Amino acid sequence: MEFQEVLDLLQSQDANERAYAAQLLGNHVDALDDEQYDAAKQALNNALIDPNPMVLMAAMQSLGRFNRSGLPQLEATDDNETELVAMVCQVCGKPEMLADAATCEYSNCPYK
């Protein structure tokens, strides 16, 4: 399957096809050139608002494999220690930016 076909599949009406496309992008991230890498990363970021949880999870997992960076790596020193904080709801597991208190089905949602 060609790269553009995978990107197009992320726009499918079928959630199974969208999830499959998201998985493909993550599985083959190392084979992408820089332009494809950027396009794939943007497409997966867009998939983070997919209403289907299967697609959302596939996009999140694939984005975890996108770790190329043009930025220098920082080393922790006494002057710049940083604590990593999970950016997901501890109750439902949705990314924090997608946690919607108005529609959350959990009574103990910390965003309500």
C-alpha atoms as a PDB file:
ATOM      1  CA  MET A   1       0.000   0.000   0.000  1.00  0.00           C
ATOM      2  CA  GLU A   2       1.352   3.435  -0.934  1.00  0.00           C
ATOM      3  CA  PHE A   3       1.852   6.151   1.679  1.00  0.00           C
ATOM      4  CA  GLN A   4      -0.887   8.425   0.314  1.00  0.00           C
ATOM      5  CA  GLU A   5      -3.318   5.502   0.312  1.00  0.00           C
ATOM      6  CA  VAL A   6      -2.670   5.009   4.042  1.00  0.00           C
ATOM      7  CA  LEU A   7      -3.287   8.706   4.709  1.00  0.00           C
ATOM      8  CA  ASP A   8      -6.501   8.511   2.670  1.00  0.00           C
ATOM      9  CA  LEU A   9      -7.557   5.437   4.651  1.00  0.00           C
ATOM     10  CA  LEU A  10      -7.392   7.544   7.828  1.00  0.00           C
ATOM     11  CA  GLN A  11     -10.328   9.493   6.354  1.00  0.00           C
ATOM     12  CA  SER A  12     -12.441   6.394   5.671  1.00  0.00           C
ATOM     13  CA  GLN A  13     -16.024   6.146   6.898  1.00  0.00           C
ATOM     14  CA  ASP A  14     -15.107   2.733   8.355  1.00  0.00           C
ATOM     15  CA  ALA A  15     -13.545   2.978  11.830  1.00  0.00           C
ATOM     16  CA  ASN A  16     -11.738  -0.357  11.347  1.00  0.00           C
ATOM     17  CA  GLU A  17      -9.994   1.031   8.277  1.00  0.00           C
ATOM     18  CA  ARG A  18      -9.050   4.248  10.112  1.00  0.00           C
ATOM     19  CA  ALA A  19      -7.606   2.261  13.023  1.00  0.00           C
ATOM     20  CA  TYR A  20      -5.708   0.001  10.624  1.00  0.00           C
ATOM     21  CA  ALA A  21      -4.226   3.038   8.845  1.00  0.00           C
ATOM     22  CA  ALA A  22      -3.140   4.556  12.153  1.00  0.00           C
ATOM     23  CA  GLN A  23      -1.446   1.277  13.116  1.00  0.00           C
ATOM     24  CA  LEU A  24       0.296   1.065   9.736  1.00  0.00           C
ATOM     25  CA  LEU A  25       1.776   4.527  10.150  1.00  0.00           C
ATOM     26  CA  GLY A  26       3.186   3.608  13.550  1.00  0.00           C
ATOM     27  CA  ASN A  27       4.488   0.249  12.382  1.00  0.00           C
ATOM     28  CA  HIS A  28       6.383   1.775   9.450  1.00  0.00           C
ATOM     29  CA  VAL A  29       7.514   5.103  10.903  1.00  0.00           C
ATOM     30  CA  ASP A  30      11.191   4.270  10.380  1.00  0.00           C
ATOM     31  CA  ALA A  31      10.624   3.802   6.642  1.00  0.00           C
ATOM     32  CA  LEU A  32       9.188   7.312   6.159  1.00  0.00           C
ATOM     33  CA  ASP A  33      11.205  10.137   4.676  1.00  0.00           C
ATOM     34  CA  ASP A  34      11.090  13.515   6.446  1.00  0.00           C
ATOM     35  CA  GLU A  35       8.160  14.862   4.424  1.00  0.00           C
ATOM     36  CA  GLN A  36       6.120  11.686   4.927  1.00  0.00           C
ATOM     37  CA  TYR A  37       7.056  11.649   8.609  1.00  0.00           C
ATOM     38  CA  ASP A  38       5.662  15.146   9.101  1.00  0.00           C
ATOM     39  CA  ALA A  39       2.498  14.370   7.119  1.00  0.00           C
ATOM     40  CA  ALA A  40       1.925  11.122   9.013  1.00  0.00           C
ATOM     41  CA  LYS A  41       2.458  12.789  12.367  1.00  0.00           C
ATOM     42  CA  GLN A  42      -0.054  15.520  11.461  1.00  0.00           C
ATOM     43  CA  ALA A  43      -2.586  12.938  10.261  1.00  0.00           C
ATOM     44  CA  LEU A  44      -2.229  10.973  13.506  1.00  0.00           C
ATOM     45  CA  ASN A  45      -2.592  14.152  15.552  1.00  0.00           C
ATOM     46  CA  ASN A  46      -5.815  14.831  13.664  1.00  0.00           C
ATOM     47  CA  ALA A  47      -6.968  11.284  14.447  1.00  0.00           C
ATOM     48  CA  LEU A  48      -6.773  12.074  18.172  1.00  0.00           C
ATOM     49  CA  ILE A  49     -10.223  13.628  17.896  1.00  0.00           C
ATOM     50  CA  ASP A  50     -11.755  10.607  16.187  1.00  0.00           C
ATOM     51  CA  PRO A  51     -15.021   9.661  17.937  1.00  0.00           C
ATOM     52  CA  ASN A  52     -14.161   5.964  17.769  1.00  0.00           C
ATOM     53  CA  PRO A  53     -12.014   4.827  20.738  1.00  0.00           C
ATOM     54  CA  MET A  54     -10.353   2.127  18.635  1.00  0.00           C
ATOM     55  CA  VAL A  55      -9.046   4.771  16.218  1.00  0.00           C
ATOM     56  CA  LEU A  56      -8.054   7.061  19.075  1.00  0.00           C
ATOM     57  CA  MET A  57      -6.020   4.311  20.769  1.00  0.00           C
ATOM     58  CA  ALA A  58      -4.341   3.283  17.503  1.00  0.00           C
ATOM     59  CA  ALA A  59      -3.374   6.903  16.827  1.00  0.00           C
ATOM     60  CA  MET A  60      -2.033   7.358  20.353  1.00  0.00           C
ATOM     61  CA  GLN A  61       0.013   4.169  20.178  1.00  0.00           C
ATOM     62  CA  SER A  62       1.419   5.084  16.789  1.00  0.00           C
ATOM     63  CA  LEU A  63       2.299   8.607  17.850  1.00  0.00           C
ATOM     64  CA  GLY A  64       4.359   7.071  20.635  1.00  0.00           C
ATOM     65  CA  ARG A  65       6.658   5.693  17.947  1.00  0.00           C
ATOM     66  CA  PHE A  66       7.157   9.096  16.338  1.00  0.00           C
ATOM     67  CA  ASN A  67      10.279  10.196  18.146  1.00  0.00           C
ATOM     68  CA  ARG A  68      12.444  11.927  15.586  1.00  0.00           C
ATOM     69  CA  SER A  69      13.432  15.309  16.830  1.00  0.00           C
ATOM     70  CA  GLY A  70      15.438  18.184  15.478  1.00  0.00           C
ATOM     71  CA  LEU A  71      15.798  19.499  19.012  1.00  0.00           C
ATOM     72  CA  PRO A  72      18.797  18.761  21.212  1.00  0.00           C
ATOM     73  CA  GLN A  73      18.205  16.365  24.087  1.00  0.00           C
ATOM     74  CA  LEU A  74      18.209  17.984  27.510  1.00  0.00           C
ATOM     75  CA  GLU A  75      20.044  16.432  30.397  1.00  0.00           C
ATOM     76  CA  ALA A  76      18.542  16.811  33.846  1.00  0.00           C
ATOM     77  CA  THR A  77      20.728  18.749  36.229  1.00  0.00           C
ATOM     78  CA  ASP A  78      20.069  20.126  39.662  1.00  0.00           C
ATOM     79  CA  ASP A  79      19.153  23.416  37.971  1.00  0.00           C
ATOM     80  CA  ASN A  80      16.599  22.065  35.508  1.00  0.00           C
ATOM     81  CA  GLU A  81      15.005  18.972  37.040  1.00  0.00           C
ATOM     82  CA  THR A  82      11.669  18.277  35.423  1.00  0.00           C
ATOM     83  CA  GLU A  83       8.885  16.024  36.637  1.00  0.00           C
ATOM     84  CA  LEU A  84       7.018  14.201  33.899  1.00  0.00           C
ATOM     85  CA  VAL A  85       3.257  14.317  34.346  1.00  0.00           C
ATOM     86  CA  ALA A  86       0.751  12.129  32.525  1.00  0.00           C
ATOM     87  CA  MET A  87      -1.535  14.190  30.338  1.00  0.00           C
ATOM     88  CA  VAL A  88      -4.464  11.787  30.485  1.00  0.00           C
ATOM     89  CA  CYS A  89      -7.523  11.616  32.674  1.00  0.00           C
ATOM     90  CA  GLN A  90      -6.804   9.227  35.533  1.00  0.00           C
ATOM     91  CA  VAL A  91     -10.406   7.979  35.478  1.00  0.00           C
ATOM     92  CA  CYS A  92     -11.248   7.325  31.819  1.00  0.00           C
ATOM     93  CA  GLY A  93      -7.790   7.419  30.213  1.00  0.00           C
ATOM     94  CA  LYS A  94      -8.685  10.011  27.566  1.00  0.00           C
ATOM     95  CA  PRO A  95      -6.049  12.583  26.689  1.00  0.00           C
ATOM     96  CA  GLU A  96      -6.506  15.571  28.987  1.00  0.00           C
ATOM     97  CA  MET A  97      -7.304  17.878  26.094  1.00  0.00           C
ATOM     98  CA  LEU A  98     -10.185  15.588  25.048  1.00  0.00           C
ATOM     99  CA  ALA A  99     -11.662  15.080  28.515  1.00  0.00           C
ATOM    100  CA  ASP A 100     -15.085  16.722  28.393  1.00  0.00           C
ATOM    101  CA  ALA A 101     -16.772  17.084  31.775  1.00  0.00           C
ATOM    102  CA  ALA A 102     -20.150  17.726  30.177  1.00  0.00           C
ATOM    103  CA  THR A 103     -20.230  14.353  28.425  1.00  0.00           C
ATOM    104  CA  CYS A 104     -18.096  12.211  30.739  1.00  0.00           C
ATOM    105  CA  GLU A 105     -19.974   9.150  31.940  1.00  0.00           C
ATOM    106  CA  TYR A 106     -17.883   8.733  35.091  1.00  0.00           C
ATOM    107  CA  SER A 107     -19.221  10.317  38.269  1.00  0.00           C
ATOM    108  CA  ASN A 108     -15.712  10.667  39.701  1.00  0.00           C
ATOM    109  CA  CYS A 109     -14.352  12.570  36.677  1.00  0.00           C
ATOM    110  CA  PRO A 110     -11.748  15.056  37.950  1.00  0.00           C
ATOM    111  CA  TYR A 111     -12.728  17.500  35.170  1.00  0.00           C
ATOM    112  CA  LYS A 112     -16.330  17.933  36.390  1.00  0.00           C
END
